[in-house]
Amino acid sequence: MEEPIKREFLTSKEVADILRVTPATVMNMIKRGQLRGKKVGAGGISSPWRIPKEDIIKYVELEEEKLAVKKSLKNQSPSMSGKT
């Protein structure tokens, strides 16, 4: 029998600590669709959110790729970037 996939979830506070942002920023990222999040508990306004750990990994990898591209473009010689 195949073992069920264990999904790990983090709180918005844990995600904030990892990304070095505030929990409010994490909530805004969820609202903008940058991260997926699920409310847990009774469903009230103050219900905690959980974010899949795999989403955080993907987000960080994407941001690192963007940074690498930016650095690469910045380090190109002026003749390659179209400047004269």
PDB file of N, CA and C in Angstrom:
ATOM      1  N   MET A   1       0.832  -1.174   0.000  1.00  0.00           N
ATOM      2  CA  MET A   1       0.000   0.000   0.000  1.00  0.00           C
ATOM      3  C   MET A   1       0.885   1.248   0.000  1.00  0.00           C
ATOM      4  N   GLU A   2       0.496   2.225  -0.814  1.00  0.00           N
ATOM      5  CA  GLU A   2       1.252   3.452  -0.917  1.00  0.00           C
ATOM      6  C   GLU A   2       1.014   4.321   0.319  1.00  0.00           C
ATOM      7  N   GLU A   3       2.089   4.928   0.791  1.00  0.00           N
ATOM      8  CA  GLU A   3       1.973   5.783   1.963  1.00  0.00           C
ATOM      9  C   GLU A   3       1.366   7.129   1.560  1.00  0.00           C
ATOM     10  N   PRO A   4       0.447   7.673   2.356  1.00  0.00           N
ATOM     11  CA  PRO A   4      -0.159   8.966   2.004  1.00  0.00           C
ATOM     12  C   PRO A   4       0.871  10.089   2.015  1.00  0.00           C
ATOM     13  N   ILE A   5       0.670  11.077   1.158  1.00  0.00           N
ATOM     14  CA  ILE A   5       1.576  12.217   1.094  1.00  0.00           C
ATOM     15  C   ILE A   5       1.352  13.085   2.331  1.00  0.00           C
ATOM     16  N   LYS A   6       2.429  13.361   3.002  1.00  0.00           N
ATOM     17  CA  LYS A   6       2.348  14.207   4.193  1.00  0.00           C
ATOM     18  C   LYS A   6       2.640  15.645   3.756  1.00  0.00           C
ATOM     19  N   ARG A   7       1.637  16.484   3.871  1.00  0.00           N
ATOM     20  CA  ARG A   7       1.818  17.895   3.534  1.00  0.00           C
ATOM     21  C   ARG A   7       2.133  18.650   4.810  1.00  0.00           C
ATOM     22  N   GLU A   8       3.162  19.441   4.723  1.00  0.00           N
ATOM     23  CA  GLU A   8       3.538  20.246   5.875  1.00  0.00           C
ATOM     24  C   GLU A   8       3.031  21.666   5.672  1.00  0.00           C
ATOM     25  N   PHE A   9       2.498  22.244   6.728  1.00  0.00           N
ATOM     26  CA  PHE A   9       1.980  23.594   6.686  1.00  0.00           C
ATOM     27  C   PHE A   9       2.672  24.444   7.739  1.00  0.00           C
ATOM     28  N   LEU A  10       2.790  25.719   7.446  1.00  0.00           N
ATOM     29  CA  LEU A  10       3.394  26.668   8.361  1.00  0.00           C
ATOM     30  C   LEU A  10       2.382  27.746   8.715  1.00  0.00           C
ATOM     31  N   THR A  11       2.550  28.352   9.872  1.00  0.00           N
ATOM     32  CA  THR A  11       1.696  29.468  10.250  1.00  0.00           C
ATOM     33  C   THR A  11       2.180  30.729   9.528  1.00  0.00           C
ATOM     34  N   SER A  12       1.339  31.750   9.505  1.00  0.00           N
ATOM     35  CA  SER A  12       1.752  33.005   8.873  1.00  0.00           C
ATOM     36  C   SER A  12       2.938  33.617   9.620  1.00  0.00           C
ATOM     37  N   LYS A  13       3.002  33.414  10.918  1.00  0.00           N
ATOM     38  CA  LYS A  13       4.141  33.914  11.707  1.00  0.00           C
ATOM     39  C   LYS A  13       5.427  33.184  11.318  1.00  0.00           C
ATOM     40  N   GLU A  14       5.358  31.859  11.147  1.00  0.00           N
ATOM     41  CA  GLU A  14       6.540  31.092  10.738  1.00  0.00           C
ATOM     42  C   GLU A  14       7.011  31.525   9.353  1.00  0.00           C
ATOM     43  N   VAL A  15       6.062  31.720   8.445  1.00  0.00           N
ATOM     44  CA  VAL A  15       6.407  32.163   7.085  1.00  0.00           C
ATOM     45  C   VAL A  15       7.042  33.550   7.151  1.00  0.00           C
ATOM     46  N   ALA A  16       6.475  34.431   7.952  1.00  0.00           N
ATOM     47  CA  ALA A  16       7.025  35.782   8.108  1.00  0.00           C
ATOM     48  C   ALA A  16       8.469  35.733   8.601  1.00  0.00           C
ATOM     49  N   ASP A  17       8.738  34.863   9.560  1.00  0.00           N
ATOM     50  CA  ASP A  17      10.100  34.720  10.080  1.00  0.00           C
ATOM     51  C   ASP A  17      11.054  34.229   8.996  1.00  0.00           C
ATOM     52  N   ILE A  18      10.612  33.273   8.197  1.00  0.00           N
ATOM     53  CA  ILE A  18      11.450  32.722   7.125  1.00  0.00           C
ATOM     54  C   ILE A  18      11.756  33.782   6.075  1.00  0.00           C
ATOM     55  N   LEU A  19      10.718  34.528   5.659  1.00  0.00           N
ATOM     56  CA  LEU A  19      10.872  35.508   4.596  1.00  0.00           C
ATOM     57  C   LEU A  19      11.362  36.863   5.106  1.00  0.00           C
ATOM     58  N   ARG A  20      11.457  36.999   6.430  1.00  0.00           N
ATOM     59  CA  ARG A  20      11.887  38.250   7.070  1.00  0.00           C
ATOM     60  C   ARG A  20      10.958  39.409   6.701  1.00  0.00           C
ATOM     61  N   VAL A  21       9.679  39.132   6.836  1.00  0.00           N
ATOM     62  CA  VAL A  21       8.637  40.133   6.634  1.00  0.00           C
ATOM     63  C   VAL A  21       7.680  40.045   7.823  1.00  0.00           C
ATOM     64  N   THR A  22       6.673  40.885   7.835  1.00  0.00           N
ATOM     65  CA  THR A  22       5.691  40.829   8.925  1.00  0.00           C
ATOM     66  C   THR A  22       4.588  39.829   8.575  1.00  0.00           C
ATOM     67  N   PRO A  23       3.869  39.330   9.581  1.00  0.00           N
ATOM     68  CA  PRO A  23       2.726  38.461   9.293  1.00  0.00           C
ATOM     69  C   PRO A  23       1.681  39.164   8.405  1.00  0.00           C
ATOM     70  N   ALA A  24       1.544  40.488   8.553  1.00  0.00           N
ATOM     71  CA  ALA A  24       0.607  41.234   7.701  1.00  0.00           C
ATOM     72  C   ALA A  24       1.033  41.157   6.236  1.00  0.00           C
ATOM     73  N   THR A  25       2.335  41.201   5.976  1.00  0.00           N
ATOM     74  CA  THR A  25       2.836  41.073   4.604  1.00  0.00           C
ATOM     75  C   THR A  25       2.523  39.687   4.059  1.00  0.00           C
ATOM     76  N   VAL A  26       2.656  38.675   4.893  1.00  0.00           N
ATOM     77  CA  VAL A  26       2.318  37.308   4.461  1.00  0.00           C
ATOM     78  C   VAL A  26       0.842  37.241   4.072  1.00  0.00           C
ATOM     79  N   MET A  27      -0.020  37.865   4.871  1.00  0.00           N
ATOM     80  CA  MET A  27      -1.452  37.860   4.558  1.00  0.00           C
ATOM     81  C   MET A  27      -1.713  38.593   3.236  1.00  0.00           C
ATOM     82  N   ASN A  28      -1.000  39.686   3.007  1.00  0.00           N
ATOM     83  CA  ASN A  28      -1.142  40.399   1.735  1.00  0.00           C
ATOM     84  C   ASN A  28      -0.667  39.547   0.563  1.00  0.00           C
ATOM     85  N   MET A  29       0.379  38.773   0.775  1.00  0.00           N
ATOM     86  CA  MET A  29       0.883  37.878  -0.282  1.00  0.00           C
ATOM     87  C   MET A  29      -0.164  36.817  -0.612  1.00  0.00           C
ATOM     88  N   ILE A  30      -0.866  36.349   0.399  1.00  0.00           N
ATOM     89  CA  ILE A  30      -1.937  35.373   0.171  1.00  0.00           C
ATOM     90  C   ILE A  30      -3.067  36.032  -0.616  1.00  0.00           C
ATOM     91  N   LYS A  31      -3.446  37.239  -0.215  1.00  0.00           N
ATOM     92  CA  LYS A  31      -4.521  37.962  -0.910  1.00  0.00           C
ATOM     93  C   LYS A  31      -4.176  38.237  -2.370  1.00  0.00           C
ATOM     94  N   ARG A  32      -2.875  38.530  -2.640  1.00  0.00           N
ATOM     95  CA  ARG A  32      -2.436  38.804  -4.018  1.00  0.00           C
ATOM     96  C   ARG A  32      -2.220  37.536  -4.833  1.00  0.00           C
ATOM     97  N   GLY A  33      -2.285  36.378  -4.181  1.00  0.00           N
ATOM     98  CA  GLY A  33      -2.097  35.118  -4.893  1.00  0.00           C
ATOM     99  C   GLY A  33      -0.648  34.683  -5.020  1.00  0.00           C
ATOM    100  N   GLN A  34       0.260  35.349  -4.318  1.00  0.00           N
ATOM    101  CA  GLN A  34       1.663  34.956  -4.355  1.00  0.00           C
ATOM    102  C   GLN A  34       1.910  33.683  -3.558  1.00  0.00           C
ATOM    103  N   LEU A  35       1.067  33.467  -2.542  1.00  0.00           N
ATOM    104  CA  LEU A  35       1.126  32.263  -1.720  1.00  0.00           C
ATOM    105  C   LEU A  35      -0.293  31.732  -1.567  1.00  0.00           C
ATOM    106  N   ARG A  36      -0.383  30.418  -1.376  1.00  0.00           N
ATOM    107  CA  ARG A  36      -1.683  29.823  -1.060  1.00  0.00           C
ATOM    108  C   ARG A  36      -1.784  29.709   0.444  1.00  0.00           C
ATOM    109  N   GLY A  37      -2.968  29.919   0.958  1.00  0.00           N
ATOM    110  CA  GLY A  37      -3.171  29.787   2.385  1.00  0.00           C
ATOM    111  C   GLY A  37      -4.565  29.255   2.656  1.00  0.00           C
ATOM    112  N   LYS A  38      -4.709  28.581   3.782  1.00  0.00           N
ATOM    113  CA  LYS A  38      -6.010  28.051   4.196  1.00  0.00           C
ATOM    114  C   LYS A  38      -6.277  28.469   5.626  1.00  0.00           C
ATOM    115  N   LYS A  39      -7.500  28.909   5.857  1.00  0.00           N
ATOM    116  CA  LYS A  39      -7.920  29.207   7.223  1.00  0.00           C
ATOM    117  C   LYS A  39      -8.200  27.887   7.927  1.00  0.00           C
ATOM    118  N   VAL A  40      -7.821  27.816   9.167  1.00  0.00           N
ATOM    119  CA  VAL A  40      -8.130  26.630   9.969  1.00  0.00           C
ATOM    120  C   VAL A  40      -8.890  27.080  11.203  1.00  0.00           C
ATOM    121  N   GLY A  41      -9.622  26.191  11.770  1.00  0.00           N
ATOM    122  CA  GLY A  41     -10.368  26.536  12.976  1.00  0.00           C
ATOM    123  C   GLY A  41     -11.818  26.861  12.677  1.00  0.00           C
ATOM    124  N   ALA A  42     -12.416  27.614  13.564  1.00  0.00           N
ATOM    125  CA  ALA A  42     -13.853  27.888  13.506  1.00  0.00           C
ATOM    126  C   ALA A  42     -14.261  28.787  12.344  1.00  0.00           C
ATOM    127  N   GLY A  43     -13.328  29.497  11.754  1.00  0.00           N
ATOM    128  CA  GLY A  43     -13.649  30.316  10.599  1.00  0.00           C
ATOM    129  C   GLY A  43     -13.917  31.773  10.888  1.00  0.00           C
ATOM    130  N   GLY A  44     -13.679  32.202  12.104  1.00  0.00           N
ATOM    131  CA  GLY A  44     -13.869  33.609  12.440  1.00  0.00           C
ATOM    132  C   GLY A  44     -12.769  34.480  11.862  1.00  0.00           C
ATOM    133  N   ILE A  45     -12.894  35.766  12.057  1.00  0.00           N
ATOM    134  CA  ILE A  45     -11.917  36.718  11.522  1.00  0.00           C
ATOM    135  C   ILE A  45     -10.514  36.420  12.034  1.00  0.00           C
ATOM    136  N   SER A  46     -10.409  36.011  13.272  1.00  0.00           N
ATOM    137  CA  SER A  46      -9.088  35.780  13.854  1.00  0.00           C
ATOM    138  C   SER A  46      -8.589  34.342  13.676  1.00  0.00           C
ATOM    139  N   SER A  47      -9.266  33.568  12.823  1.00  0.00           N
ATOM    140  CA  SER A  47      -8.819  32.185  12.588  1.00  0.00           C
ATOM    141  C   SER A  47      -7.405  32.176  12.022  1.00  0.00           C
ATOM    142  N   PRO A  48      -6.590  31.259  12.501  1.00  0.00           N
ATOM    143  CA  PRO A  48      -5.221  31.181  11.973  1.00  0.00           C
ATOM    144  C   PRO A  48      -5.190  30.661  10.544  1.00  0.00           C
ATOM    145  N   TRP A  49      -4.145  31.013   9.838  1.00  0.00           N
ATOM    146  CA  TRP A  49      -3.943  30.565   8.464  1.00  0.00           C
ATOM    147  C   TRP A  49      -2.785  29.582   8.447  1.00  0.00           C
ATOM    148  N   ARG A  50      -2.820  28.683   7.484  1.00  0.00           N
ATOM    149  CA  ARG A  50      -1.720  27.751   7.262  1.00  0.00           C
ATOM    150  C   ARG A  50      -1.319  27.847   5.797  1.00  0.00           C
ATOM    151  N   ILE A  51      -0.005  27.865   5.575  1.00  0.00           N
ATOM    152  CA  ILE A  51       0.548  27.996   4.233  1.00  0.00           C
ATOM    153  C   ILE A  51       1.372  26.749   3.953  1.00  0.00           C
ATOM    154  N   PRO A  52       1.143  26.107   2.778  1.00  0.00           N
ATOM    155  CA  PRO A  52       1.924  24.908   2.466  1.00  0.00           C
ATOM    156  C   PRO A  52       3.426  25.223   2.389  1.00  0.00           C
ATOM    157  N   LYS A  53       4.213  24.403   3.048  1.00  0.00           N
ATOM    158  CA  LYS A  53       5.669  24.585   3.057  1.00  0.00           C
ATOM    159  C   LYS A  53       6.219  24.571   1.634  1.00  0.00           C
ATOM    160  N   GLU A  54       5.652  23.730   0.781  1.00  0.00           N
ATOM    161  CA  GLU A  54       6.125  23.645  -0.606  1.00  0.00           C
ATOM    162  C   GLU A  54       5.941  24.972  -1.337  1.00  0.00           C
ATOM    163  N   ASP A  55       4.913  25.737  -0.981  1.00  0.00           N
ATOM    164  CA  ASP A  55       4.703  27.052  -1.600  1.00  0.00           C
ATOM    165  C   ASP A  55       5.802  28.033  -1.212  1.00  0.00           C
ATOM    166  N   ILE A  56       6.252  27.949   0.020  1.00  0.00           N
ATOM    167  CA  ILE A  56       7.327  28.833   0.478  1.00  0.00           C
ATOM    168  C   ILE A  56       8.611  28.498  -0.268  1.00  0.00           C
ATOM    169  N   ILE A  57       8.885  27.217  -0.428  1.00  0.00           N
ATOM    170  CA  ILE A  57      10.083  26.790  -1.150  1.00  0.00           C
ATOM    171  C   ILE A  57      10.025  27.300  -2.587  1.00  0.00           C
ATOM    172  N   LYS A  58       8.896  27.124  -3.255  1.00  0.00           N
ATOM    173  CA  LYS A  58       8.741  27.599  -4.632  1.00  0.00           C
ATOM    174  C   LYS A  58       8.897  29.108  -4.719  1.00  0.00           C
ATOM    175  N   TYR A  59       8.293  29.827  -3.774  1.00  0.00           N
ATOM    176  CA  TYR A  59       8.371  31.289  -3.771  1.00  0.00           C
ATOM    177  C   TYR A  59       9.828  31.745  -3.643  1.00  0.00           C
ATOM    178  N   VAL A  60      10.568  31.167  -2.703  1.00  0.00           N
ATOM    179  CA  VAL A  60      11.964  31.550  -2.493  1.00  0.00           C
ATOM    180  C   VAL A  60      12.795  31.238  -3.732  1.00  0.00           C
ATOM    181  N   GLU A  61      12.578  30.068  -4.335  1.00  0.00           N
ATOM    182  CA  GLU A  61      13.315  29.702  -5.546  1.00  0.00           C
ATOM    183  C   GLU A  61      13.041  30.688  -6.679  1.00  0.00           C
ATOM    184  N   LEU A  62      11.782  31.081  -6.852  1.00  0.00           N
ATOM    185  CA  LEU A  62      11.417  32.036  -7.895  1.00  0.00           C
ATOM    186  C   LEU A  62      12.070  33.394  -7.647  1.00  0.00           C
ATOM    187  N   GLU A  63      12.055  33.847  -6.401  1.00  0.00           N
ATOM    188  CA  GLU A  63      12.678  35.127  -6.071  1.00  0.00           C
ATOM    189  C   GLU A  63      14.189  35.081  -6.309  1.00  0.00           C
ATOM    190  N   GLU A  64      14.823  33.940  -6.007  1.00  0.00           N
ATOM    191  CA  GLU A  64      16.266  33.797  -6.251  1.00  0.00           C
ATOM    192  C   GLU A  64      16.558  33.846  -7.744  1.00  0.00           C
ATOM    193  N   GLU A  65      15.702  33.225  -8.564  1.00  0.00           N
ATOM    194  CA  GLU A  65      15.869  33.273 -10.019  1.00  0.00           C
ATOM    195  C   GLU A  65      15.750  34.703 -10.529  1.00  0.00           C
ATOM    196  N   LYS A  66      14.759  35.438 -10.033  1.00  0.00           N
ATOM    197  CA  LYS A  66      14.578  36.829 -10.446  1.00  0.00           C
ATOM    198  C   LYS A  66      15.815  37.656 -10.097  1.00  0.00           C
ATOM    199  N   LEU A  67      16.350  37.440  -8.901  1.00  0.00           N
ATOM    200  CA  LEU A  67      17.535  38.170  -8.464  1.00  0.00           C
ATOM    201  C   LEU A  67      18.730  37.835  -9.353  1.00  0.00           C
ATOM    202  N   ALA A  68      18.892  36.571  -9.707  1.00  0.00           N
ATOM    203  CA  ALA A  68      20.005  36.163 -10.567  1.00  0.00           C
ATOM    204  C   ALA A  68      19.900  36.818 -11.944  1.00  0.00           C
ATOM    205  N   VAL A  69      18.696  36.895 -12.489  1.00  0.00           N
ATOM    206  CA  VAL A  69      18.497  37.531 -13.798  1.00  0.00           C
ATOM    207  C   VAL A  69      18.828  39.015 -13.705  1.00  0.00           C
ATOM    208  N   LYS A  70      18.354  39.665 -12.634  1.00  0.00           N
ATOM    209  CA  LYS A  70      18.638  41.092 -12.440  1.00  0.00           C
ATOM    210  C   LYS A  70      20.136  41.342 -12.379  1.00  0.00           C
ATOM    211  N   LYS A  71      20.844  40.511 -11.596  1.00  0.00           N
ATOM    212  CA  LYS A  71      22.293  40.671 -11.466  1.00  0.00           C
ATOM    213  C   LYS A  71      22.979  40.453 -12.802  1.00  0.00           C
ATOM    214  N   SER A  72      22.517  39.466 -13.539  1.00  0.00           N
ATOM    215  CA  SER A  72      23.097  39.167 -14.846  1.00  0.00           C
ATOM    216  C   SER A  72      22.927  40.351 -15.800  1.00  0.00           C
ATOM    217  N   LEU A  73      21.738  40.925 -15.828  1.00  0.00           N
ATOM    218  CA  LEU A  73      21.477  42.067 -16.692  1.00  0.00           C
ATOM    219  C   LEU A  73      22.301  43.279 -16.274  1.00  0.00           C
ATOM    220  N   LYS A  74      22.437  43.466 -14.980  1.00  0.00           N
ATOM    221  CA  LYS A  74      23.190  44.605 -14.460  1.00  0.00           C
ATOM    222  C   LYS A  74      24.668  44.483 -14.806  1.00  0.00           C
ATOM    223  N   ASN A  75      25.185  43.253 -14.863  1.00  0.00           N
ATOM    224  CA  ASN A  75      26.607  43.026 -15.106  1.00  0.00           C
ATOM    225  C   ASN A  75      26.966  42.923 -16.588  1.00  0.00           C
ATOM    226  N   GLN A  76      25.969  42.988 -17.459  1.00  0.00           N
ATOM    227  CA  GLN A  76      26.263  42.932 -18.892  1.00  0.00           C
ATOM    228  C   GLN A  76      27.012  44.188 -19.308  1.00  0.00           C
ATOM    229  N   SER A  77      27.858  44.012 -20.338  1.00  0.00           N
ATOM    230  CA  SER A  77      28.582  45.182 -20.844  1.00  0.00           C
ATOM    231  C   SER A  77      27.609  46.093 -21.568  1.00  0.00           C
ATOM    232  N   PRO A  78      27.912  47.406 -21.648  1.00  0.00           N
ATOM    233  CA  PRO A  78      26.995  48.344 -22.297  1.00  0.00           C
ATOM    234  C   PRO A  78      26.668  47.970 -23.736  1.00  0.00           C
ATOM    235  N   SER A  79      27.608  47.376 -24.476  1.00  0.00           N
ATOM    236  CA  SER A  79      27.339  47.005 -25.870  1.00  0.00           C
ATOM    237  C   SER A  79      26.315  45.892 -25.973  1.00  0.00           C
ATOM    238  N   MET A  80      26.242  45.028 -24.968  1.00  0.00           N
ATOM    239  CA  MET A  80      25.259  43.936 -24.993  1.00  0.00           C
ATOM    240  C   MET A  80      23.890  44.392 -24.548  1.00  0.00           C
ATOM    241  N   SER A  81      23.817  45.442 -23.742  1.00  0.00           N
ATOM    242  CA  SER A  81      22.531  45.885 -23.236  1.00  0.00           C
ATOM    243  C   SER A  81      21.866  46.909 -24.159  1.00  0.00           C
ATOM    244  N   GLY A  82      22.541  47.278 -25.244  1.00  0.00           N
ATOM    245  CA  GLY A  82      21.960  48.204 -26.200  1.00  0.00           C
ATOM    246  C   GLY A  82      22.323  49.660 -25.918  1.00  0.00           C
ATOM    247  N   LYS A  83      23.098  49.916 -24.866  1.00  0.00           N
ATOM    248  CA  LYS A  83      23.528  51.275 -24.560  1.00  0.00           C
ATOM    249  C   LYS A  83      24.785  51.595 -25.339  1.00  0.00           C
ATOM    250  N   THR A  84      24.948  52.842 -25.671  1.00  0.00           N
ATOM    251  CA  THR A  84      26.173  53.252 -26.381  1.00  0.00           C
ATOM    252  C   THR A  84      26.922  54.290 -25.623  1.00  0.00           C
TER     253      THR A  84
END
